[in-house]
Amino acid sequence: MKRLLAIINQLKTEVDGVTQSGLDIRPNDTLGIFKTISKRLQSIMDGLPVDQSITVEVKNVYGMERIYPVCETAETFTNLTGLKTLTRYDLSAIKQLGFKVEQKQVSL
């Protein structure tokens, strides 16, 4: 989470710099500003180590399969769905984004 806040703060600094620098971007040229911000954000993200895996725990609750997030990244995905659990469909979409889905091993 601290990494994300650092990226947001750095991006805000970049946005302020772009809008005040007098570059070839007119105040009404939102597409140009968006492209500049996107390029800068991508360069920031390229410099960060990114964990491309999530860990989930599968539980059987009253005969229904429930997939619970274990790591922070998996919790972020549940925040996007607005639910406390993920579905098999969600996991499929997450895999299509390039993430590896790992299942927490149950210890006896």
PDB file of N, CA and C in Angstrom:
ATOM      1  N   MET A   1       0.816  -1.182   0.000  1.00  0.00           N
ATOM      2  CA  MET A   1       0.000   0.000   0.000  1.00  0.00           C
ATOM      3  C   MET A   1       0.867   1.256   0.000  1.00  0.00           C
ATOM      4  N   LYS A   2       1.991   1.213   0.710  1.00  0.00           N
ATOM      5  CA  LYS A   2       2.888   2.361   0.740  1.00  0.00           C
ATOM      6  C   LYS A   2       3.443   2.648  -0.657  1.00  0.00           C
ATOM      7  N   ARG A   3       3.724   1.565  -1.412  1.00  0.00           N
ATOM      8  CA  ARG A   3       4.216   1.742  -2.782  1.00  0.00           C
ATOM      9  C   ARG A   3       3.185   2.464  -3.627  1.00  0.00           C
ATOM     10  N   LEU A   4       1.921   2.076  -3.483  1.00  0.00           N
ATOM     11  CA  LEU A   4       0.854   2.689  -4.255  1.00  0.00           C
ATOM     12  C   LEU A   4       0.712   4.161  -3.908  1.00  0.00           C
ATOM     13  N   LEU A   5       0.774   4.497  -2.624  1.00  0.00           N
ATOM     14  CA  LEU A   5       0.696   5.901  -2.219  1.00  0.00           C
ATOM     15  C   LEU A   5       1.861   6.705  -2.758  1.00  0.00           C
ATOM     16  N   ALA A   6       3.042   6.099  -2.786  1.00  0.00           N
ATOM     17  CA  ALA A   6       4.211   6.787  -3.341  1.00  0.00           C
ATOM     18  C   ALA A   6       4.026   7.049  -4.830  1.00  0.00           C
ATOM     19  N   ILE A   7       3.467   6.073  -5.549  1.00  0.00           N
ATOM     20  CA  ILE A   7       3.212   6.244  -6.983  1.00  0.00           C
ATOM     21  C   ILE A   7       2.197   7.358  -7.205  1.00  0.00           C
ATOM     22  N   ILE A   8       1.134   7.370  -6.406  1.00  0.00           N
ATOM     23  CA  ILE A   8       0.095   8.395  -6.552  1.00  0.00           C
ATOM     24  C   ILE A   8       0.682   9.780  -6.292  1.00  0.00           C
ATOM     25  N   ASN A   9       1.487   9.905  -5.239  1.00  0.00           N
ATOM     26  CA  ASN A   9       2.101  11.205  -4.939  1.00  0.00           C
ATOM     27  C   ASN A   9       3.047  11.644  -6.040  1.00  0.00           C
ATOM     28  N   GLN A  10       3.824  10.707  -6.579  1.00  0.00           N
ATOM     29  CA  GLN A  10       4.736  11.047  -7.660  1.00  0.00           C
ATOM     30  C   GLN A  10       3.954  11.427  -8.910  1.00  0.00           C
ATOM     31  N   LEU A  11       2.869  10.719  -9.174  1.00  0.00           N
ATOM     32  CA  LEU A  11       2.036  11.035 -10.324  1.00  0.00           C
ATOM     33  C   LEU A  11       1.406  12.414 -10.166  1.00  0.00           C
ATOM     34  N   LYS A  12       0.952  12.741  -8.960  1.00  0.00           N
ATOM     35  CA  LYS A  12       0.375  14.066  -8.713  1.00  0.00           C
ATOM     36  C   LYS A  12       1.408  15.151  -8.990  1.00  0.00           C
ATOM     37  N   THR A  13       2.641  14.918  -8.563  1.00  0.00           N
ATOM     38  CA  THR A  13       3.714  15.867  -8.834  1.00  0.00           C
ATOM     39  C   THR A  13       3.920  16.022 -10.336  1.00  0.00           C
ATOM     40  N   GLU A  14       3.874  14.901 -11.052  1.00  0.00           N
ATOM     41  CA  GLU A  14       4.028  14.945 -12.509  1.00  0.00           C
ATOM     42  C   GLU A  14       2.888  15.712 -13.161  1.00  0.00           C
ATOM     43  N   VAL A  15       1.658  15.477 -12.703  1.00  0.00           N
ATOM     44  CA  VAL A  15       0.501  16.177 -13.266  1.00  0.00           C
ATOM     45  C   VAL A  15       0.648  17.672 -13.032  1.00  0.00           C
ATOM     46  N   ASP A  16       1.019  18.067 -11.815  1.00  0.00           N
ATOM     47  CA  ASP A  16       1.209  19.485 -11.516  1.00  0.00           C
ATOM     48  C   ASP A  16       2.296  20.075 -12.415  1.00  0.00           C
ATOM     49  N   GLY A  17       3.353  19.304 -12.623  1.00  0.00           N
ATOM     50  CA  GLY A  17       4.438  19.774 -13.479  1.00  0.00           C
ATOM     51  C   GLY A  17       4.010  19.946 -14.923  1.00  0.00           C
ATOM     52  N   VAL A  18       3.210  18.997 -15.425  1.00  0.00           N
ATOM     53  CA  VAL A  18       2.749  19.071 -16.812  1.00  0.00           C
ATOM     54  C   VAL A  18       1.823  20.262 -17.006  1.00  0.00           C
ATOM     55  N   THR A  19       0.915  20.471 -16.075  1.00  0.00           N
ATOM     56  CA  THR A  19      -0.064  21.535 -16.260  1.00  0.00           C
ATOM     57  C   THR A  19       0.538  22.922 -16.039  1.00  0.00           C
ATOM     58  N   GLN A  20       1.656  23.012 -15.320  1.00  0.00           N
ATOM     59  CA  GLN A  20       2.259  24.305 -15.047  1.00  0.00           C
ATOM     60  C   GLN A  20       3.523  24.569 -15.859  1.00  0.00           C
ATOM     61  N   SER A  21       4.006  23.598 -16.607  1.00  0.00           N
ATOM     62  CA  SER A  21       5.311  23.723 -17.248  1.00  0.00           C
ATOM     63  C   SER A  21       5.296  24.455 -18.577  1.00  0.00           C
ATOM     64  N   GLY A  22       4.137  24.629 -19.175  1.00  0.00           N
ATOM     65  CA  GLY A  22       4.099  25.282 -20.473  1.00  0.00           C
ATOM     66  C   GLY A  22       4.574  24.385 -21.599  1.00  0.00           C
ATOM     67  N   LEU A  23       4.462  23.065 -21.402  1.00  0.00           N
ATOM     68  CA  LEU A  23       4.812  22.136 -22.480  1.00  0.00           C
ATOM     69  C   LEU A  23       3.844  22.317 -23.636  1.00  0.00           C
ATOM     70  N   ASP A  24       3.963  21.521 -24.646  1.00  0.00           N
ATOM     71  CA  ASP A  24       3.106  21.626 -25.827  1.00  0.00           C
ATOM     72  C   ASP A  24       1.695  21.112 -25.562  1.00  0.00           C
ATOM     73  N   ILE A  25       1.229  21.233 -24.347  1.00  0.00           N
ATOM     74  CA  ILE A  25      -0.101  20.739 -23.999  1.00  0.00           C
ATOM     75  C   ILE A  25      -0.964  21.937 -23.614  1.00  0.00           C
ATOM     76  N   ARG A  26      -2.030  22.139 -24.353  1.00  0.00           N
ATOM     77  CA  ARG A  26      -2.966  23.218 -24.030  1.00  0.00           C
ATOM     78  C   ARG A  26      -3.816  22.786 -22.838  1.00  0.00           C
ATOM     79  N   PRO A  27      -4.315  23.763 -22.061  1.00  0.00           N
ATOM     80  CA  PRO A  27      -5.138  23.392 -20.899  1.00  0.00           C
ATOM     81  C   PRO A  27      -6.343  22.526 -21.271  1.00  0.00           C
ATOM     82  N   ASN A  28      -6.883  22.706 -22.452  1.00  0.00           N
ATOM     83  CA  ASN A  28      -8.060  21.923 -22.854  1.00  0.00           C
ATOM     84  C   ASN A  28      -7.693  20.611 -23.536  1.00  0.00           C
ATOM     85  N   ASP A  29      -6.421  20.354 -23.700  1.00  0.00           N
ATOM     86  CA  ASP A  29      -5.978  19.150 -24.401  1.00  0.00           C
ATOM     87  C   ASP A  29      -5.864  17.991 -23.409  1.00  0.00           C
ATOM     88  N   THR A  30      -7.003  17.490 -22.948  1.00  0.00           N
ATOM     89  CA  THR A  30      -6.992  16.430 -21.941  1.00  0.00           C
ATOM     90  C   THR A  30      -6.391  15.137 -22.459  1.00  0.00           C
ATOM     91  N   LEU A  31      -6.545  14.864 -23.753  1.00  0.00           N
ATOM     92  CA  LEU A  31      -5.963  13.645 -24.307  1.00  0.00           C
ATOM     93  C   LEU A  31      -4.435  13.705 -24.228  1.00  0.00           C
ATOM     94  N   GLY A  32      -3.887  14.849 -24.553  1.00  0.00           N
ATOM     95  CA  GLY A  32      -2.433  15.012 -24.464  1.00  0.00           C
ATOM     96  C   GLY A  32      -1.940  14.868 -23.037  1.00  0.00           C
ATOM     97  N   ILE A  33      -2.664  15.444 -22.104  1.00  0.00           N
ATOM     98  CA  ILE A  33      -2.298  15.318 -20.694  1.00  0.00           C
ATOM     99  C   ILE A  33      -2.393  13.864 -20.261  1.00  0.00           C
ATOM    100  N   PHE A  34      -3.468  13.187 -20.675  1.00  0.00           N
ATOM    101  CA  PHE A  34      -3.633  11.780 -20.321  1.00  0.00           C
ATOM    102  C   PHE A  34      -2.485  10.939 -20.864  1.00  0.00           C
ATOM    103  N   LYS A  35      -2.099  11.178 -22.112  1.00  0.00           N
ATOM    104  CA  LYS A  35      -0.993  10.406 -22.707  1.00  0.00           C
ATOM    105  C   LYS A  35       0.308  10.649 -21.957  1.00  0.00           C
ATOM    106  N   THR A  36       0.562  11.898 -21.596  1.00  0.00           N
ATOM    107  CA  THR A  36       1.782  12.219 -20.863  1.00  0.00           C
ATOM    108  C   THR A  36       1.783  11.545 -19.496  1.00  0.00           C
ATOM    109  N   ILE A  37       0.651  11.608 -18.811  1.00  0.00           N
ATOM    110  CA  ILE A  37       0.536  10.970 -17.496  1.00  0.00           C
ATOM    111  C   ILE A  37       0.688   9.462 -17.619  1.00  0.00           C
ATOM    112  N   SER A  38       0.056   8.877 -18.626  1.00  0.00           N
ATOM    113  CA  SER A  38       0.129   7.423 -18.821  1.00  0.00           C
ATOM    114  C   SER A  38       1.561   6.971 -19.056  1.00  0.00           C
ATOM    115  N   LYS A  39       2.289   7.709 -19.896  1.00  0.00           N
ATOM    116  CA  LYS A  39       3.687   7.350 -20.169  1.00  0.00           C
ATOM    117  C   LYS A  39       4.522   7.450 -18.902  1.00  0.00           C
ATOM    118  N   ARG A  40       4.299   8.509 -18.138  1.00  0.00           N
ATOM    119  CA  ARG A  40       5.079   8.696 -16.911  1.00  0.00           C
ATOM    120  C   ARG A  40       4.730   7.619 -15.886  1.00  0.00           C
ATOM    121  N   LEU A  41       3.451   7.320 -15.748  1.00  0.00           N
ATOM    122  CA  LEU A  41       3.036   6.280 -14.802  1.00  0.00           C
ATOM    123  C   LEU A  41       3.632   4.936 -15.201  1.00  0.00           C
ATOM    124  N   GLN A  42       3.644   4.633 -16.498  1.00  0.00           N
ATOM    125  CA  GLN A  42       4.219   3.370 -16.958  1.00  0.00           C
ATOM    126  C   GLN A  42       5.708   3.307 -16.636  1.00  0.00           C
ATOM    127  N   SER A  43       6.423   4.416 -16.803  1.00  0.00           N
ATOM    128  CA  SER A  43       7.851   4.412 -16.486  1.00  0.00           C
ATOM    129  C   SER A  43       8.079   4.244 -14.989  1.00  0.00           C
ATOM    130  N   ILE A  44       7.187   4.810 -14.168  1.00  0.00           N
ATOM    131  CA  ILE A  44       7.292   4.618 -12.718  1.00  0.00           C
ATOM    132  C   ILE A  44       7.035   3.158 -12.374  1.00  0.00           C
ATOM    133  N   MET A  45       5.969   2.590 -12.954  1.00  0.00           N
ATOM    134  CA  MET A  45       5.610   1.205 -12.671  1.00  0.00           C
ATOM    135  C   MET A  45       6.683   0.235 -13.148  1.00  0.00           C
ATOM    136  N   ASP A  46       7.347   0.540 -14.266  1.00  0.00           N
ATOM    137  CA  ASP A  46       8.395  -0.330 -14.782  1.00  0.00           C
ATOM    138  C   ASP A  46       9.556  -0.449 -13.809  1.00  0.00           C
ATOM    139  N   GLY A  47       9.757   0.579 -13.011  1.00  0.00           N
ATOM    140  CA  GLY A  47      10.849   0.567 -12.056  1.00  0.00           C
ATOM    141  C   GLY A  47      10.533  -0.133 -10.755  1.00  0.00           C
ATOM    142  N   LEU A  48       9.293  -0.541 -10.564  1.00  0.00           N
ATOM    143  CA  LEU A  48       8.897  -1.190  -9.318  1.00  0.00           C
ATOM    144  C   LEU A  48       8.822  -2.705  -9.482  1.00  0.00           C
ATOM    145  N   PRO A  49       9.260  -3.428  -8.471  1.00  0.00           N
ATOM    146  CA  PRO A  49       9.063  -4.874  -8.533  1.00  0.00           C
ATOM    147  C   PRO A  49       7.576  -5.182  -8.339  1.00  0.00           C
ATOM    148  N   VAL A  50       7.023  -5.954  -9.227  1.00  0.00           N
ATOM    149  CA  VAL A  50       5.602  -6.273  -9.152  1.00  0.00           C
ATOM    150  C   VAL A  50       5.440  -7.770  -8.947  1.00  0.00           C
ATOM    151  N   ASP A  51       4.711  -8.129  -7.905  1.00  0.00           N
ATOM    152  CA  ASP A  51       4.426  -9.536  -7.645  1.00  0.00           C
ATOM    153  C   ASP A  51       3.257  -9.933  -8.533  1.00  0.00           C
ATOM    154  N   GLN A  52       3.505 -10.804  -9.476  1.00  0.00           N
ATOM    155  CA  GLN A  52       2.486 -11.204 -10.441  1.00  0.00           C
ATOM    156  C   GLN A  52       1.758 -12.458  -9.996  1.00  0.00           C
ATOM    157  N   SER A  53       1.580 -12.610  -8.690  1.00  0.00           N
ATOM    158  CA  SER A  53       0.831 -13.772  -8.219  1.00  0.00           C
ATOM    159  C   SER A  53      -0.087 -13.345  -7.075  1.00  0.00           C
ATOM    160  N   ILE A  54      -1.162 -14.081  -6.920  1.00  0.00           N
ATOM    161  CA  ILE A  54      -2.056 -13.874  -5.784  1.00  0.00           C
ATOM    162  C   ILE A  54      -2.244 -15.205  -5.080  1.00  0.00           C
ATOM    163  N   THR A  55      -2.557 -15.129  -3.802  1.00  0.00           N
ATOM    164  CA  THR A  55      -2.796 -16.335  -3.012  1.00  0.00           C
ATOM    165  C   THR A  55      -4.224 -16.293  -2.489  1.00  0.00           C
ATOM    166  N   VAL A  56      -4.927 -17.397  -2.690  1.00  0.00           N
ATOM    167  CA  VAL A  56      -6.312 -17.504  -2.232  1.00  0.00           C
ATOM    168  C   VAL A  56      -6.468 -18.780  -1.411  1.00  0.00           C
ATOM    169  N   GLU A  57      -7.552 -18.823  -0.647  1.00  0.00           N
ATOM    170  CA  GLU A  57      -7.875 -20.013   0.142  1.00  0.00           C
ATOM    171  C   GLU A  57      -9.288 -20.450  -0.231  1.00  0.00           C
ATOM    172  N   VAL A  58      -9.425 -21.714  -0.603  1.00  0.00           N
ATOM    173  CA  VAL A  58     -10.726 -22.259  -0.982  1.00  0.00           C
ATOM    174  C   VAL A  58     -11.327 -22.965   0.227  1.00  0.00           C
ATOM    175  N   LYS A  59     -12.552 -22.555   0.574  1.00  0.00           N
ATOM    176  CA  LYS A  59     -13.254 -23.169   1.703  1.00  0.00           C
ATOM    177  C   LYS A  59     -14.621 -23.644   1.241  1.00  0.00           C
ATOM    178  N   ASN A  60     -15.102 -24.674   1.914  1.00  0.00           N
ATOM    179  CA  ASN A  60     -16.443 -25.169   1.657  1.00  0.00           C
ATOM    180  C   ASN A  60     -17.340 -24.660   2.782  1.00  0.00           C
ATOM    181  N   VAL A  61     -18.280 -23.788   2.428  1.00  0.00           N
ATOM    182  CA  VAL A  61     -19.167 -23.185   3.416  1.00  0.00           C
ATOM    183  C   VAL A  61     -20.595 -23.624   3.104  1.00  0.00           C
ATOM    184  N   TYR A  62     -21.138 -24.482   3.953  1.00  0.00           N
ATOM    185  CA  TYR A  62     -22.490 -25.019   3.765  1.00  0.00           C
ATOM    186  C   TYR A  62     -22.678 -25.590   2.358  1.00  0.00           C
ATOM    187  N   GLY A  63     -21.668 -26.330   1.903  1.00  0.00           N
ATOM    188  CA  GLY A  63     -21.746 -26.987   0.611  1.00  0.00           C
ATOM    189  C   GLY A  63     -21.428 -26.093  -0.582  1.00  0.00           C
ATOM    190  N   MET A  64     -21.106 -24.842  -0.340  1.00  0.00           N
ATOM    191  CA  MET A  64     -20.774 -23.907  -1.423  1.00  0.00           C
ATOM    192  C   MET A  64     -19.284 -23.586  -1.375  1.00  0.00           C
ATOM    193  N   GLU A  65     -18.662 -23.614  -2.545  1.00  0.00           N
ATOM    194  CA  GLU A  65     -17.250 -23.262  -2.623  1.00  0.00           C
ATOM    195  C   GLU A  65     -17.084 -21.751  -2.495  1.00  0.00           C
ATOM    196  N   ARG A  66     -16.222 -21.332  -1.581  1.00  0.00           N
ATOM    197  CA  ARG A  66     -15.916 -19.919  -1.388  1.00  0.00           C
ATOM    198  C   ARG A  66     -14.411 -19.738  -1.528  1.00  0.00           C
ATOM    199  N   ILE A  67     -14.031 -18.721  -2.285  1.00  0.00           N
ATOM    200  CA  ILE A  67     -12.609 -18.457  -2.529  1.00  0.00           C
ATOM    201  C   ILE A  67     -12.263 -17.137  -1.844  1.00  0.00           C
ATOM    202  N   TYR A  68     -11.463 -17.230  -0.780  1.00  0.00           N
ATOM    203  CA  TYR A  68     -11.122 -16.061   0.027  1.00  0.00           C
ATOM    204  C   TYR A  68      -9.725 -15.550  -0.322  1.00  0.00           C
ATOM    205  N   PRO A  69      -9.549 -14.237  -0.322  1.00  0.00           N
ATOM    206  CA  PRO A  69      -8.217 -13.681  -0.575  1.00  0.00           C
ATOM    207  C   PRO A  69      -7.309 -13.903   0.630  1.00  0.00           C
ATOM    208  N   VAL A  70      -6.041 -14.160   0.373  1.00  0.00           N
ATOM    209  CA  VAL A  70      -5.070 -14.333   1.443  1.00  0.00           C
ATOM    210  C   VAL A  70      -4.060 -13.179   1.432  1.00  0.00           C
ATOM    211  N   CYS A  71      -3.632 -12.763   0.249  1.00  0.00           N
ATOM    212  CA  CYS A  71      -2.624 -11.708   0.143  1.00  0.00           C
ATOM    213  C   CYS A  71      -3.281 -10.353  -0.178  1.00  0.00           C
ATOM    214  N   GLU A  72      -2.492  -9.303  -0.087  1.00  0.00           N
ATOM    215  CA  GLU A  72      -2.991  -7.943  -0.312  1.00  0.00           C
ATOM    216  C   GLU A  72      -3.483  -7.744  -1.744  1.00  0.00           C
ATOM    217  N   THR A  73      -2.789  -8.337  -2.697  1.00  0.00           N
ATOM    218  CA  THR A  73      -3.195  -8.189  -4.098  1.00  0.00           C
ATOM    219  C   THR A  73      -4.546  -8.858  -4.338  1.00  0.00           C
ATOM    220  N   ALA A  74      -4.756 -10.033  -3.752  1.00  0.00           N
ATOM    221  CA  ALA A  74      -6.042 -10.718  -3.894  1.00  0.00           C
ATOM    222  C   ALA A  74      -7.154  -9.903  -3.240  1.00  0.00           C
ATOM    223  N   GLU A  75      -6.845  -9.264  -2.111  1.00  0.00           N
ATOM    224  CA  GLU A  75      -7.834  -8.405  -1.455  1.00  0.00           C
ATOM    225  C   GLU A  75      -8.196  -7.213  -2.343  1.00  0.00           C
ATOM    226  N   THR A  76      -7.227  -6.709  -3.069  1.00  0.00           N
ATOM    227  CA  THR A  76      -7.490  -5.609  -3.998  1.00  0.00           C
ATOM    228  C   THR A  76      -8.477  -6.045  -5.068  1.00  0.00           C
ATOM    229  N   PHE A  77      -8.328  -7.262  -5.563  1.00  0.00           N
ATOM    230  CA  PHE A  77      -9.275  -7.766  -6.560  1.00  0.00           C
ATOM    231  C   PHE A  77     -10.679  -7.916  -5.976  1.00  0.00           C
ATOM    232  N   THR A  78     -10.783  -8.344  -4.711  1.00  0.00           N
ATOM    233  CA  THR A  78     -12.119  -8.442  -4.115  1.00  0.00           C
ATOM    234  C   THR A  78     -12.720  -7.054  -3.919  1.00  0.00           C
ATOM    235  N   ASN A  79     -11.879  -6.061  -3.651  1.00  0.00           N
ATOM    236  CA  ASN A  79     -12.372  -4.686  -3.557  1.00  0.00           C
ATOM    237  C   ASN A  79     -12.960  -4.229  -4.885  1.00  0.00           C
ATOM    238  N   LEU A  80     -12.353  -4.654  -5.976  1.00  0.00           N
ATOM    239  CA  LEU A  80     -12.871  -4.296  -7.296  1.00  0.00           C
ATOM    240  C   LEU A  80     -14.220  -4.938  -7.564  1.00  0.00           C
ATOM    241  N   THR A  81     -14.398  -6.163  -7.087  1.00  0.00           N
ATOM    242  CA  THR A  81     -15.669  -6.855  -7.326  1.00  0.00           C
ATOM    243  C   THR A  81     -16.743  -6.418  -6.343  1.00  0.00           C
ATOM    244  N   GLY A  82     -16.329  -5.833  -5.218  1.00  0.00           N
ATOM    245  CA  GLY A  82     -17.297  -5.407  -4.212  1.00  0.00           C
ATOM    246  C   GLY A  82     -17.786  -6.537  -3.324  1.00  0.00           C
ATOM    247  N   LEU A  83     -17.126  -7.682  -3.401  1.00  0.00           N
ATOM    248  CA  LEU A  83     -17.513  -8.842  -2.598  1.00  0.00           C
ATOM    249  C   LEU A  83     -16.377  -9.238  -1.670  1.00  0.00           C
ATOM    250  N   LYS A  84     -16.656 -10.130  -0.728  1.00  0.00           N
ATOM    251  CA  LYS A  84     -15.625 -10.613   0.184  1.00  0.00           C
ATOM    252  C   LYS A  84     -14.880 -11.811  -0.384  1.00  0.00           C
ATOM    253  N   THR A  85     -15.469 -12.445  -1.409  1.00  0.00           N
ATOM    254  CA  THR A  85     -14.860 -13.625  -2.006  1.00  0.00           C
ATOM    255  C   THR A  85     -14.717 -13.431  -3.510  1.00  0.00           C
ATOM    256  N   LEU A  86     -13.931 -14.310  -4.104  1.00  0.00           N
ATOM    257  CA  LEU A  86     -13.759 -14.335  -5.557  1.00  0.00           C
ATOM    258  C   LEU A  86     -14.487 -15.551  -6.123  1.00  0.00           C
ATOM    259  N   THR A  87     -14.803 -15.506  -7.391  1.00  0.00           N
ATOM    260  CA  THR A  87     -15.427 -16.647  -8.062  1.00  0.00           C
ATOM    261  C   THR A  87     -14.412 -17.283  -9.001  1.00  0.00           C
ATOM    262  N   ARG A  88     -14.749 -18.454  -9.525  1.00  0.00           N
ATOM    263  CA  ARG A  88     -13.888 -19.090 -10.532  1.00  0.00           C
ATOM    264  C   ARG A  88     -13.757 -18.183 -11.766  1.00  0.00           C
ATOM    265  N   TYR A  89     -14.843 -17.503 -12.102  1.00  0.00           N
ATOM    266  CA  TYR A  89     -14.819 -16.564 -13.229  1.00  0.00           C
ATOM    267  C   TYR A  89     -13.825 -15.426 -12.948  1.00  0.00           C
ATOM    268  N   ASP A  90     -13.832 -14.905 -11.715  1.00  0.00           N
ATOM    269  CA  ASP A  90     -12.885 -13.853 -11.334  1.00  0.00           C
ATOM    270  C   ASP A  90     -11.450 -14.351 -11.484  1.00  0.00           C
ATOM    271  N   LEU A  91     -11.192 -15.577 -11.012  1.00  0.00           N
ATOM    272  CA  LEU A  91      -9.845 -16.135 -11.102  1.00  0.00           C
ATOM    273  C   LEU A  91      -9.408 -16.292 -12.549  1.00  0.00           C
ATOM    274  N   SER A  92     -10.336 -16.669 -13.419  1.00  0.00           N
ATOM    275  CA  SER A  92     -10.029 -16.796 -14.831  1.00  0.00           C
ATOM    276  C   SER A  92      -9.624 -15.443 -15.418  1.00  0.00           C
ATOM    277  N   ALA A  93     -10.363 -14.406 -15.065  1.00  0.00           N
ATOM    278  CA  ALA A  93     -10.055 -13.062 -15.553  1.00  0.00           C
ATOM    279  C   ALA A  93      -8.717 -12.578 -14.998  1.00  0.00           C
ATOM    280  N   ILE A  94      -8.437 -12.881 -13.740  1.00  0.00           N
ATOM    281  CA  ILE A  94      -7.170 -12.492 -13.117  1.00  0.00           C
ATOM    282  C   ILE A  94      -6.004 -13.176 -13.821  1.00  0.00           C
ATOM    283  N   LYS A  95      -6.180 -14.442 -14.176  1.00  0.00           N
ATOM    284  CA  LYS A  95      -5.141 -15.164 -14.915  1.00  0.00           C
ATOM    285  C   LYS A  95      -4.911 -14.537 -16.287  1.00  0.00           C
ATOM    286  N   GLN A  96      -5.981 -14.083 -16.931  1.00  0.00           N
ATOM    287  CA  GLN A  96      -5.846 -13.438 -18.239  1.00  0.00           C
ATOM    288  C   GLN A  96      -5.060 -12.137 -18.137  1.00  0.00           C
ATOM    289  N   LEU A  97      -5.053 -11.518 -16.975  1.00  0.00           N
ATOM    290  CA  LEU A  97      -4.271 -10.303 -16.752  1.00  0.00           C
ATOM    291  C   LEU A  97      -2.791 -10.608 -16.530  1.00  0.00           C
ATOM    292  N   GLY A  98      -2.452 -11.898 -16.469  1.00  0.00           N
ATOM    293  CA  GLY A  98      -1.054 -12.291 -16.323  1.00  0.00           C
ATOM    294  C   GLY A  98      -0.652 -12.677 -14.910  1.00  0.00           C
ATOM    295  N   PHE A  99      -1.605 -12.785 -14.012  1.00  0.00           N
ATOM    296  CA  PHE A  99      -1.301 -13.166 -12.641  1.00  0.00           C
ATOM    297  C   PHE A  99      -1.333 -14.679 -12.496  1.00  0.00           C
ATOM    298  N   LYS A 100      -0.483 -15.182 -11.620  1.00  0.00           N
ATOM    299  CA  LYS A 100      -0.491 -16.591 -11.259  1.00  0.00           C
ATOM    300  C   LYS A 100      -1.326 -16.725  -9.993  1.00  0.00           C
ATOM    301  N   VAL A 101      -2.270 -17.644  -9.991  1.00  0.00           N
ATOM    302  CA  VAL A 101      -3.142 -17.848  -8.830  1.00  0.00           C
ATOM    303  C   VAL A 101      -2.638 -19.059  -8.055  1.00  0.00           C
ATOM    304  N   GLU A 102      -2.285 -18.823  -6.802  1.00  0.00           N
ATOM    305  CA  GLU A 102      -1.798 -19.886  -5.931  1.00  0.00           C
ATOM    306  C   GLU A 102      -2.813 -20.133  -4.832  1.00  0.00           C
ATOM    307  N   GLN A 103      -2.992 -21.400  -4.492  1.00  0.00           N
ATOM    308  CA  GLN A 103      -3.934 -21.772  -3.437  1.00  0.00           C
ATOM    309  C   GLN A 103      -3.167 -22.026  -2.151  1.00  0.00           C
ATOM    310  N   LYS A 104      -3.624 -21.408  -1.060  1.00  0.00           N
ATOM    311  CA  LYS A 104      -3.006 -21.619   0.239  1.00  0.00           C
ATOM    312  C   LYS A 104      -3.183 -23.070   0.635  1.00  0.00           C
ATOM    313  N   GLN A 105      -2.090 -23.662   1.057  1.00  0.00           N
ATOM    314  CA  GLN A 105      -2.120 -25.057   1.460  1.00  0.00           C
ATOM    315  C   GLN A 105      -2.643 -25.169   2.875  1.00  0.00           C
ATOM    316  N   VAL A 106      -3.544 -26.118   3.097  1.00  0.00           N
ATOM    317  CA  VAL A 106      -4.101 -26.347   4.422  1.00  0.00           C
ATOM    318  C   VAL A 106      -3.135 -27.221   5.211  1.00  0.00           C
ATOM    319  N   SER A 107      -2.753 -26.746   6.409  1.00  0.00           N
ATOM    320  CA  SER A 107      -1.868 -27.555   7.239  1.00  0.00           C
ATOM    321  C   SER A 107      -2.679 -28.234   8.336  1.00  0.00           C
ATOM    322  N   LEU A 108      -2.362 -29.476   8.562  1.00  0.00           N
ATOM    323  CA  LEU A 108      -3.097 -30.267   9.558  1.00  0.00           C
ATOM    324  C   LEU A 108      -2.349 -30.328  10.863  1.00  0.00           C
TER     325      LEU A 108
END
